[in-house]
Amino acid sequence: MNVTAVESSTLWSVGYDQTLEILQLEFRNRAIYRYYDVPLAVHEGLIAAVSKGRYFNGAIRGQYRYLPAVDKRSGGAGEEA
């Protein structure tokens, strides 16, 4: 998964796995979520958006199945909770 730090008051980083269509978002509060079956165009739109938070709220939140991801930096044992 390719992860990119972003300039945002909402998000810390954005990752995307094009093969599996998984969008990983790390929020400023360090919570990490994985969104499933997200088309590449949505990822590209998020990266290009002037306001990442506004794009997230309008195009991602409530649109895709998601799960919290375990932060391996904190010693989590698995990929997802």
N, C-alpha and C. Protein backbone atom coordinates (compact mmCIF):
# COMPACT_ATOMS: atom_id res chain seq x y z
N MET A 1 0.85 -1.18 0.00
CA MET A 1 0.00 0.00 0.00
C MET A 1 0.89 1.24 0.00
N ASN A 2 0.58 2.15 -0.89
CA ASN A 2 1.32 3.40 -0.99
C ASN A 2 0.65 4.42 -0.06
N VAL A 3 1.40 4.92 0.93
CA VAL A 3 0.87 5.88 1.91
C VAL A 3 1.54 7.23 1.70
N THR A 4 0.72 8.28 1.68
CA THR A 4 1.21 9.64 1.45
C THR A 4 0.75 10.55 2.58
N ALA A 5 1.67 11.32 3.15
CA ALA A 5 1.30 12.35 4.12
C ALA A 5 0.58 13.46 3.35
N VAL A 6 -0.46 14.03 3.96
CA VAL A 6 -1.23 15.07 3.29
C VAL A 6 -1.34 16.31 4.16
N GLU A 7 -1.55 17.45 3.50
CA GLU A 7 -1.80 18.72 4.18
C GLU A 7 -3.30 18.80 4.44
N SER A 8 -3.68 18.65 5.70
CA SER A 8 -5.09 18.65 6.03
C SER A 8 -5.26 18.87 7.52
N SER A 9 -6.33 19.54 7.90
CA SER A 9 -6.64 19.67 9.33
C SER A 9 -7.39 18.44 9.83
N THR A 10 -7.83 17.57 8.91
CA THR A 10 -8.58 16.37 9.26
C THR A 10 -7.73 15.11 9.18
N LEU A 11 -6.96 14.99 8.10
CA LEU A 11 -6.21 13.76 7.83
C LEU A 11 -4.71 13.96 8.01
N TRP A 12 -4.06 12.90 8.44
CA TRP A 12 -2.60 12.88 8.58
C TRP A 12 -1.97 12.24 7.35
N SER A 13 -2.57 11.10 6.90
CA SER A 13 -2.03 10.41 5.72
C SER A 13 -3.14 9.66 5.00
N VAL A 14 -2.87 9.36 3.73
CA VAL A 14 -3.79 8.63 2.87
C VAL A 14 -3.01 7.51 2.20
N GLY A 15 -3.53 6.30 2.28
CA GLY A 15 -2.92 5.17 1.60
C GLY A 15 -3.93 4.54 0.66
N TYR A 16 -3.42 3.88 -0.38
CA TYR A 16 -4.33 3.23 -1.32
C TYR A 16 -3.68 2.00 -1.92
N ASP A 17 -4.43 0.92 -1.94
CA ASP A 17 -4.02 -0.32 -2.61
C ASP A 17 -4.91 -0.46 -3.82
N GLN A 18 -4.35 -0.21 -5.00
CA GLN A 18 -5.15 -0.19 -6.23
C GLN A 18 -5.67 -1.58 -6.58
N THR A 19 -4.90 -2.62 -6.32
CA THR A 19 -5.32 -3.99 -6.65
C THR A 19 -6.54 -4.40 -5.83
N LEU A 20 -6.52 -4.10 -4.54
CA LEU A 20 -7.61 -4.50 -3.64
C LEU A 20 -8.66 -3.41 -3.46
N GLU A 21 -8.43 -2.22 -4.00
CA GLU A 21 -9.32 -1.07 -3.87
C GLU A 21 -9.60 -0.75 -2.39
N ILE A 22 -8.51 -0.69 -1.61
CA ILE A 22 -8.60 -0.34 -0.20
C ILE A 22 -8.00 1.05 -0.01
N LEU A 23 -8.79 1.93 0.58
CA LEU A 23 -8.34 3.28 0.93
C LEU A 23 -8.10 3.31 2.43
N GLN A 24 -6.90 3.66 2.83
CA GLN A 24 -6.57 3.76 4.25
C GLN A 24 -6.39 5.22 4.62
N LEU A 25 -7.13 5.65 5.63
CA LEU A 25 -7.06 7.03 6.08
C LEU A 25 -6.59 7.06 7.52
N GLU A 26 -5.56 7.86 7.77
CA GLU A 26 -5.10 8.11 9.12
C GLU A 26 -5.51 9.53 9.46
N PHE A 27 -6.33 9.65 10.49
CA PHE A 27 -6.84 10.95 10.90
C PHE A 27 -5.87 11.63 11.85
N ARG A 28 -6.05 12.91 12.06
CA ARG A 28 -5.17 13.69 12.92
C ARG A 28 -5.13 13.16 14.35
N ASN A 29 -6.21 12.51 14.79
CA ASN A 29 -6.23 11.93 16.13
C ASN A 29 -5.54 10.56 16.17
N ARG A 30 -4.92 10.20 15.03
CA ARG A 30 -4.14 8.98 14.83
C ARG A 30 -5.00 7.72 14.65
N ALA A 31 -6.31 7.86 14.60
CA ALA A 31 -7.17 6.72 14.28
C ALA A 31 -6.97 6.37 12.81
N ILE A 32 -6.88 5.08 12.51
CA ILE A 32 -6.67 4.61 11.14
C ILE A 32 -7.85 3.73 10.75
N TYR A 33 -8.43 4.03 9.57
CA TYR A 33 -9.55 3.26 9.06
C TYR A 33 -9.25 2.83 7.63
N ARG A 34 -9.73 1.65 7.29
CA ARG A 34 -9.63 1.14 5.92
C ARG A 34 -11.02 1.06 5.32
N TYR A 35 -11.15 1.65 4.15
CA TYR A 35 -12.40 1.69 3.40
C TYR A 35 -12.25 0.75 2.21
N TYR A 36 -13.27 -0.08 1.98
CA TYR A 36 -13.19 -1.16 1.00
C TYR A 36 -14.00 -0.86 -0.25
N ASP A 37 -13.51 -1.40 -1.38
CA ASP A 37 -14.15 -1.25 -2.70
C ASP A 37 -14.23 0.21 -3.13
N VAL A 38 -13.17 0.94 -2.84
CA VAL A 38 -13.10 2.36 -3.20
C VAL A 38 -12.40 2.49 -4.55
N PRO A 39 -13.06 3.04 -5.55
CA PRO A 39 -12.45 3.20 -6.87
C PRO A 39 -11.23 4.14 -6.84
N LEU A 40 -10.32 3.91 -7.75
CA LEU A 40 -9.12 4.74 -7.86
C LEU A 40 -9.48 6.21 -8.02
N ALA A 41 -10.54 6.50 -8.75
CA ALA A 41 -10.94 7.90 -8.97
C ALA A 41 -11.27 8.62 -7.66
N VAL A 42 -11.81 7.90 -6.69
CA VAL A 42 -12.12 8.51 -5.39
C VAL A 42 -10.83 8.83 -4.65
N HIS A 43 -9.88 7.91 -4.68
CA HIS A 43 -8.57 8.16 -4.07
C HIS A 43 -7.91 9.37 -4.72
N GLU A 44 -7.91 9.42 -6.03
CA GLU A 44 -7.30 10.53 -6.75
C GLU A 44 -8.01 11.85 -6.43
N GLY A 45 -9.33 11.79 -6.31
CA GLY A 45 -10.09 12.98 -5.96
C GLY A 45 -9.73 13.48 -4.57
N LEU A 46 -9.54 12.56 -3.63
CA LEU A 46 -9.16 12.95 -2.27
C LEU A 46 -7.79 13.60 -2.26
N ILE A 47 -6.84 13.00 -2.95
CA ILE A 47 -5.48 13.55 -2.99
C ILE A 47 -5.48 14.95 -3.63
N ALA A 48 -6.31 15.14 -4.65
CA ALA A 48 -6.34 16.42 -5.37
C ALA A 48 -7.19 17.49 -4.68
N ALA A 49 -8.03 17.08 -3.75
CA ALA A 49 -8.97 18.03 -3.14
C ALA A 49 -8.25 19.12 -2.34
N VAL A 50 -8.72 20.34 -2.48
CA VAL A 50 -8.19 21.45 -1.70
C VAL A 50 -8.52 21.22 -0.23
N SER A 51 -9.75 20.78 0.05
CA SER A 51 -10.17 20.45 1.41
C SER A 51 -10.39 18.95 1.51
N LYS A 52 -9.43 18.26 2.11
CA LYS A 52 -9.52 16.80 2.26
C LYS A 52 -10.70 16.42 3.15
N GLY A 53 -10.94 17.19 4.21
CA GLY A 53 -12.06 16.91 5.11
C GLY A 53 -13.40 17.04 4.41
N ARG A 54 -13.55 18.08 3.62
CA ARG A 54 -14.80 18.28 2.88
C ARG A 54 -15.01 17.15 1.86
N TYR A 55 -13.94 16.77 1.17
CA TYR A 55 -14.04 15.67 0.19
C TYR A 55 -14.41 14.37 0.91
N PHE A 56 -13.75 14.09 2.03
CA PHE A 56 -14.05 12.89 2.80
C PHE A 56 -15.53 12.86 3.19
N ASN A 57 -16.02 13.96 3.73
CA ASN A 57 -17.42 14.02 4.18
C ASN A 57 -18.41 13.86 3.02
N GLY A 58 -18.07 14.39 1.86
CA GLY A 58 -19.00 14.35 0.73
C GLY A 58 -18.91 13.11 -0.13
N ALA A 59 -17.73 12.51 -0.23
CA ALA A 59 -17.54 11.42 -1.20
C ALA A 59 -17.18 10.06 -0.58
N ILE A 60 -16.79 10.04 0.68
CA ILE A 60 -16.32 8.78 1.28
C ILE A 60 -17.15 8.38 2.49
N ARG A 61 -17.31 9.27 3.43
CA ARG A 61 -18.05 8.95 4.66
C ARG A 61 -19.46 8.46 4.34
N GLY A 62 -19.80 7.29 4.86
CA GLY A 62 -21.12 6.72 4.65
C GLY A 62 -21.32 6.06 3.30
N GLN A 63 -20.30 6.06 2.44
CA GLN A 63 -20.44 5.49 1.10
C GLN A 63 -19.81 4.10 0.96
N TYR A 64 -18.84 3.80 1.82
CA TYR A 64 -18.07 2.56 1.69
C TYR A 64 -17.99 1.83 3.03
N ARG A 65 -17.92 0.51 2.94
CA ARG A 65 -17.71 -0.32 4.13
C ARG A 65 -16.32 -0.02 4.66
N TYR A 66 -16.19 0.04 5.98
CA TYR A 66 -14.89 0.34 6.57
C TYR A 66 -14.70 -0.40 7.88
N LEU A 67 -13.46 -0.53 8.27
CA LEU A 67 -13.07 -1.13 9.55
C LEU A 67 -11.90 -0.35 10.11
N PRO A 68 -11.81 -0.27 11.44
CA PRO A 68 -10.61 0.34 12.02
C PRO A 68 -9.43 -0.58 11.79
N ALA A 69 -8.29 -0.01 11.52
CA ALA A 69 -7.06 -0.78 11.34
C ALA A 69 -6.27 -0.71 12.64
N VAL A 70 -5.58 -1.78 12.97
CA VAL A 70 -4.71 -1.78 14.14
C VAL A 70 -3.42 -1.09 13.76
N ASP A 71 -3.00 -0.15 14.56
CA ASP A 71 -1.76 0.58 14.34
C ASP A 71 -0.61 -0.28 14.82
N LYS A 72 0.19 -0.80 13.90
CA LYS A 72 1.29 -1.69 14.26
C LYS A 72 2.35 -0.98 15.10
N ARG A 73 2.39 0.34 15.02
CA ARG A 73 3.34 1.09 15.84
C ARG A 73 3.01 0.97 17.32
N SER A 74 1.73 0.70 17.62
CA SER A 74 1.32 0.59 19.02
C SER A 74 1.37 -0.85 19.51
N GLY A 75 1.88 -1.76 18.68
CA GLY A 75 2.04 -3.14 19.11
C GLY A 75 0.83 -4.00 18.83
N GLY A 76 -0.07 -3.56 17.95
CA GLY A 76 -1.23 -4.36 17.61
C GLY A 76 -0.82 -5.65 16.93
N ALA A 77 -1.56 -6.71 17.19
CA ALA A 77 -1.18 -8.03 16.69
C ALA A 77 -1.66 -8.30 15.28
N GLY A 78 -2.77 -7.70 14.88
CA GLY A 78 -3.35 -8.04 13.58
C GLY A 78 -3.48 -6.84 12.68
N GLU A 79 -3.96 -7.10 11.50
CA GLU A 79 -4.17 -6.04 10.52
C GLU A 79 -5.36 -5.18 10.88
N GLU A 80 -6.46 -5.82 11.31
CA GLU A 80 -7.67 -5.06 11.56
C GLU A 80 -8.29 -5.52 12.87
N ALA A 81 -9.05 -4.63 13.44
CA ALA A 81 -9.76 -4.96 14.68
C ALA A 81 -11.07 -5.63 14.36
